[in-house]
Amino acid sequence: MILFYYPLAPHFAMAKFIIYNIQLLPNDDETPEVGVSGYKKLFSKLRELNSEHLKAKTQAEFHHPITADIYIGPIDFRFPSGYVCGHFVRYRKTDQVTELATGKNLYSSKGRTVGVTSQHKIPFVFDADRHLFAIAGGNLLPKPQPFIAILAKFFSSVAADNFPKHTLNINLISRANALEAVFNTAVAYKTVHVNLTAPNGHGAEDILREMRESKTQNVALHASGGKDGRMKDIPEFIKKILRAATGYGWSKLTYFINNGKPGEDKTRKEIYDSREAPRTFALKHSKNDTSEEDFLKRVAEKLGAIDISESVEEDEIEDAEDTED
């Protein structure tokens, strides 16, 4: 078998990671949480399933088509203590490769052989203790909401087969400061939508703790204005749910801000969607990284130190010593 492909794209000088929360939630009081070993098993079983498709040359059936011929899927996994790391790969599937100048056929896919071009490896790290999944890739990846569906596709059968008493849930970690900016500038609200998922594995405050202790997996809430369609403010308990959803769900608000001169009663409608405000961090490859494993270890350390409830600006988290000469 001969595969024709272009060399892998060089490592990113700066890798920007988006964070997702991957949870396996117990379905009843008798079912224990899966713990670190369970989350690592989730990834090891995904590795096995992915390997089966690669060996059978059926990866195009398992990997996700972004377009008619561009696919994305996992490619390699490593399992250091406490975390999982590796790469996804985005590639172009091709049946035929031709020489540009002459049009001569250089390669034709035959049988079940899969030819690919334009491969790009995308690094990821999964914190098995806090079940936080960080992945780079920039424009190589779909936007967060479609990518959640892609991750769910990869993990759903693995979760169903190996954790039948648990429910898989995946959500984006959003920036807490983006929500606080809404609270600080809104003069009225029109609608509030929030979907909150219970946490597992760690202590939590207020509504999250109560949800976990009562085994309530999801809370969906909708609030809207009265006769004039506006709420002057939203209750504090809803704000608590909205704040919790930055790490354990999603929310969408339609609100109004002042848009006139001082003393002028003029407002403009705005929309906030937590799924469009991802929590990110950036890390540069260092001259001290002797291998990709060294870089991914630093990513894991960075991810482990992040407080997802803390308000920070996008890409603020970066170590000065990580810069290259």
Foldseek 3Di string as FASTA:
>chain_A
DDADEDDADDDDQKWKKFKKAKAWAFQDPVDDGCALVNLVLLVVLLVVVCVVCVVVLNVVVQFDDPDPFKTKAFDDWDDDPQKIKGWIKIWGWDQWDADPPPRHTDHGDDDSDIYIYHIYIKIWMARSQQRMIMITDVPSDDQQVVVQVNVCSSRVVSCCVPPVRTDIDMDTQFALVVVVVCVVFFQKWQKKWWKFAAGPNDDDDDPNNVCSVVSPGMDIDMDGDDPVRIGRHDDPVVVVRQLNCSHGTWMKTWGWGDDDDVPDPDIDIDMDIRSVGTAMEMAGAEPPPPDVVSVVVVVNVQVVPDDSSDHDDHHPDYDPNRRYD
